[in-house]
Amino acid sequence: MTTDKKTKEEVSVMRKCFALAVLLTFTFCLAQPVFSQTTDELKTIREDVKSLKEGQTAIQKDLQEIKKLLASRPAARPTEFKEAIINVQDAPFKGDKNAKIALIEFSDYQ
């Protein structure tokens, strides 16, 4: 599994969590006092809360699965540094020819 795919999954889970948080906020902020609601309204609210809890449980399972996948992934090996030999004998330059360090700039003028 590539890093981009994992990142997309993590973003998807984060979006689901955010949507759940917004929905819960609207539910609690915009709800009328409990005593003025009818029995049908209370049943509807209970069903909504139940479905939100189920969604939250599914999100938590997805997060646990992502954590397991990340933990089981082997660590990336550091790349080895290889010495590069570049011939710049006839190239234009600025500064001292006998300098100990040379900064070489590669560019593309397209």
C-alpha atoms as a PDB file:
ATOM      1  CA  MET A   1       0.000   0.000   0.000  1.00  0.00           C
ATOM      2  CA  THR A   2       1.471   3.353  -0.920  1.00  0.00           C
ATOM      3  CA  THR A   3       1.855   6.355   1.325  1.00  0.00           C
ATOM      4  CA  ASP A   4      -0.530   8.380  -0.864  1.00  0.00           C
ATOM      5  CA  LYS A   5      -3.258   5.784  -0.460  1.00  0.00           C
ATOM      6  CA  LYS A   6      -2.777   5.727   3.313  1.00  0.00           C
ATOM      7  CA  THR A   7      -2.860   9.486   3.416  1.00  0.00           C
ATOM      8  CA  LYS A   8      -6.112   9.480   1.437  1.00  0.00           C
ATOM      9  CA  GLU A   9      -7.572   6.949   3.873  1.00  0.00           C
ATOM     10  CA  GLU A  10      -6.479   9.051   6.826  1.00  0.00           C
ATOM     11  CA  VAL A  11      -8.010  12.159   5.251  1.00  0.00           C
ATOM     12  CA  SER A  12     -11.222  10.240   4.595  1.00  0.00           C
ATOM     13  CA  VAL A  13     -11.396   9.135   8.223  1.00  0.00           C
ATOM     14  CA  MET A  14     -10.660  12.667   9.411  1.00  0.00           C
ATOM     15  CA  ARG A  15     -13.471  14.004   7.198  1.00  0.00           C
ATOM     16  CA  LYS A  16     -15.879  11.433   8.605  1.00  0.00           C
ATOM     17  CA  CYS A  17     -14.910  12.407  12.156  1.00  0.00           C
ATOM     18  CA  PHE A  18     -15.363  16.080  11.341  1.00  0.00           C
ATOM     19  CA  ALA A  19     -18.782  15.465   9.760  1.00  0.00           C
ATOM     20  CA  LEU A  20     -19.813  13.453  12.800  1.00  0.00           C
ATOM     21  CA  ALA A  21     -18.671  16.232  15.129  1.00  0.00           C
ATOM     22  CA  VAL A  22     -20.579  18.861  13.122  1.00  0.00           C
ATOM     23  CA  LEU A  23     -23.702  16.724  13.083  1.00  0.00           C
ATOM     24  CA  LEU A  24     -23.511  16.158  16.824  1.00  0.00           C
ATOM     25  CA  THR A  25     -22.970  19.864  17.418  1.00  0.00           C
ATOM     26  CA  PHE A  26     -26.011  20.812  15.363  1.00  0.00           C
ATOM     27  CA  THR A  27     -28.069  18.095  17.031  1.00  0.00           C
ATOM     28  CA  PHE A  28     -27.280  19.330  20.535  1.00  0.00           C
ATOM     29  CA  CYS A  29     -27.259  23.075  19.817  1.00  0.00           C
ATOM     30  CA  LEU A  30     -30.428  23.239  17.763  1.00  0.00           C
ATOM     31  CA  ALA A  31     -32.483  20.702  19.726  1.00  0.00           C
ATOM     32  CA  GLN A  32     -35.479  21.990  21.616  1.00  0.00           C
ATOM     33  CA  PRO A  33     -35.790  21.327  25.324  1.00  0.00           C
ATOM     34  CA  VAL A  34     -36.633  17.690  26.035  1.00  0.00           C
ATOM     35  CA  PHE A  35     -39.851  18.432  27.894  1.00  0.00           C
ATOM     36  CA  SER A  36     -41.523  20.155  24.956  1.00  0.00           C
ATOM     37  CA  GLN A  37     -40.819  17.313  22.492  1.00  0.00           C
ATOM     38  CA  THR A  38     -43.295  14.607  21.584  1.00  0.00           C
ATOM     39  CA  THR A  39     -42.691  10.896  21.914  1.00  0.00           C
ATOM     40  CA  ASP A  40     -42.185  10.558  18.137  1.00  0.00           C
ATOM     41  CA  GLU A  41     -39.551  13.288  18.176  1.00  0.00           C
ATOM     42  CA  LEU A  42     -37.755  11.568  21.023  1.00  0.00           C
ATOM     43  CA  LYS A  43     -37.793   8.250  19.152  1.00  0.00           C
ATOM     44  CA  THR A  44     -36.373   9.961  16.079  1.00  0.00           C
ATOM     45  CA  ILE A  45     -33.636  11.568  18.141  1.00  0.00           C
ATOM     46  CA  ARG A  46     -32.790   8.247  19.778  1.00  0.00           C
ATOM     47  CA  GLU A  47     -32.555   6.590  16.360  1.00  0.00           C
ATOM     48  CA  ASP A  48     -30.303   9.403  15.137  1.00  0.00           C
ATOM     49  CA  VAL A  49     -28.055   9.047  18.172  1.00  0.00           C
ATOM     50  CA  LYS A  50     -27.923   5.288  17.662  1.00  0.00           C
ATOM     51  CA  SER A  51     -26.907   5.675  14.014  1.00  0.00           C
ATOM     52  CA  LEU A  52     -24.278   8.255  15.006  1.00  0.00           C
ATOM     53  CA  LYS A  53     -22.854   5.849  17.576  1.00  0.00           C
ATOM     54  CA  GLU A  54     -22.726   3.082  14.971  1.00  0.00           C
ATOM     55  CA  GLY A  55     -20.936   5.419  12.576  1.00  0.00           C
ATOM     56  CA  GLN A  56     -18.495   6.409  15.284  1.00  0.00           C
ATOM     57  CA  THR A  57     -17.804   2.745  16.057  1.00  0.00           C
ATOM     58  CA  ALA A  58     -17.117   2.080  12.375  1.00  0.00           C
ATOM     59  CA  ILE A  59     -14.733   5.045  12.253  1.00  0.00           C
ATOM     60  CA  GLN A  60     -12.901   3.778  15.328  1.00  0.00           C
ATOM     61  CA  LYS A  61     -12.521   0.338  13.726  1.00  0.00           C
ATOM     62  CA  ASP A  62     -11.135   1.973  10.570  1.00  0.00           C
ATOM     63  CA  LEU A  63      -8.647   3.955  12.650  1.00  0.00           C
ATOM     64  CA  GLN A  64      -7.495   0.821  14.457  1.00  0.00           C
ATOM     65  CA  GLU A  65      -7.018  -0.952  11.127  1.00  0.00           C
ATOM     66  CA  ILE A  66      -4.987   1.990   9.787  1.00  0.00           C
ATOM     67  CA  LYS A  67      -2.843   1.975  12.933  1.00  0.00           C
ATOM     68  CA  LYS A  68      -2.190  -1.764  12.535  1.00  0.00           C
ATOM     69  CA  LEU A  69      -1.231  -1.309   8.885  1.00  0.00           C
ATOM     70  CA  LEU A  70       1.144   1.514   9.749  1.00  0.00           C
ATOM     71  CA  ALA A  71       2.697  -0.453  12.599  1.00  0.00           C
ATOM     72  CA  SER A  72       3.247  -3.548  10.451  1.00  0.00           C
ATOM     73  CA  ARG A  73       4.857  -1.570   7.634  1.00  0.00           C
ATOM     74  CA  PRO A  74       8.646  -1.949   7.618  1.00  0.00           C
ATOM     75  CA  ALA A  75      10.649   1.215   8.120  1.00  0.00           C
ATOM     76  CA  ALA A  76      12.093   2.743   4.976  1.00  0.00           C
ATOM     77  CA  ARG A  77      15.793   2.174   4.531  1.00  0.00           C
ATOM     78  CA  PRO A  78      17.878   5.306   4.292  1.00  0.00           C
ATOM     79  CA  THR A  79      19.352   5.845   0.864  1.00  0.00           C
ATOM     80  CA  GLU A  80      23.075   5.430   0.615  1.00  0.00           C
ATOM     81  CA  PHE A  81      25.170   8.401  -0.365  1.00  0.00           C
ATOM     82  CA  LYS A  82      27.270   7.771  -3.446  1.00  0.00           C
ATOM     83  CA  GLU A  83      30.061  10.012  -4.501  1.00  0.00           C
ATOM     84  CA  ALA A  84      29.351  11.802  -7.755  1.00  0.00           C
ATOM     85  CA  ILE A  85      32.077  12.856 -10.142  1.00  0.00           C
ATOM     86  CA  ILE A  86      31.064  15.692 -12.429  1.00  0.00           C
ATOM     87  CA  ASN A  87      33.294  17.121 -15.113  1.00  0.00           C
ATOM     88  CA  VAL A  88      32.930  20.920 -15.225  1.00  0.00           C
ATOM     89  CA  GLN A  89      36.273  21.640 -16.797  1.00  0.00           C
ATOM     90  CA  ASP A  90      35.058  23.813 -19.706  1.00  0.00           C
ATOM     91  CA  ALA A  91      31.918  25.129 -17.976  1.00  0.00           C
ATOM     92  CA  PRO A  92      31.586  28.822 -17.110  1.00  0.00           C
ATOM     93  CA  PHE A  93      32.289  29.645 -13.453  1.00  0.00           C
ATOM     94  CA  LYS A  94      32.706  32.453 -10.966  1.00  0.00           C
ATOM     95  CA  GLY A  95      35.371  32.604  -8.288  1.00  0.00           C
ATOM     96  CA  ASP A  96      38.697  30.928  -7.641  1.00  0.00           C
ATOM     97  CA  LYS A  97      39.616  27.885  -9.766  1.00  0.00           C
ATOM     98  CA  ASN A  98      41.389  26.282  -6.790  1.00  0.00           C
ATOM     99  CA  ALA A  99      38.514  26.644  -4.303  1.00  0.00           C
ATOM    100  CA  LYS A 100      38.003  23.705  -1.912  1.00  0.00           C
ATOM    101  CA  ILE A 101      34.236  23.657  -2.442  1.00  0.00           C
ATOM    102  CA  ALA A 102      32.303  24.084  -5.684  1.00  0.00           C
ATOM    103  CA  LEU A 103      28.586  24.874  -5.793  1.00  0.00           C
ATOM    104  CA  ILE A 104      27.116  23.659  -9.041  1.00  0.00           C
ATOM    105  CA  GLU A 105      23.682  24.797 -10.183  1.00  0.00           C
ATOM    106  CA  PHE A 106      21.651  22.774 -12.652  1.00  0.00           C
ATOM    107  CA  SER A 107      18.712  24.491 -14.292  1.00  0.00           C
ATOM    108  CA  ASP A 108      16.326  24.096 -17.168  1.00  0.00           C
ATOM    109  CA  TYR A 109      15.358  27.180 -19.139  1.00  0.00           C
ATOM    110  CA  GLN A 110      12.219  25.853 -20.788  1.00  0.00           C
END
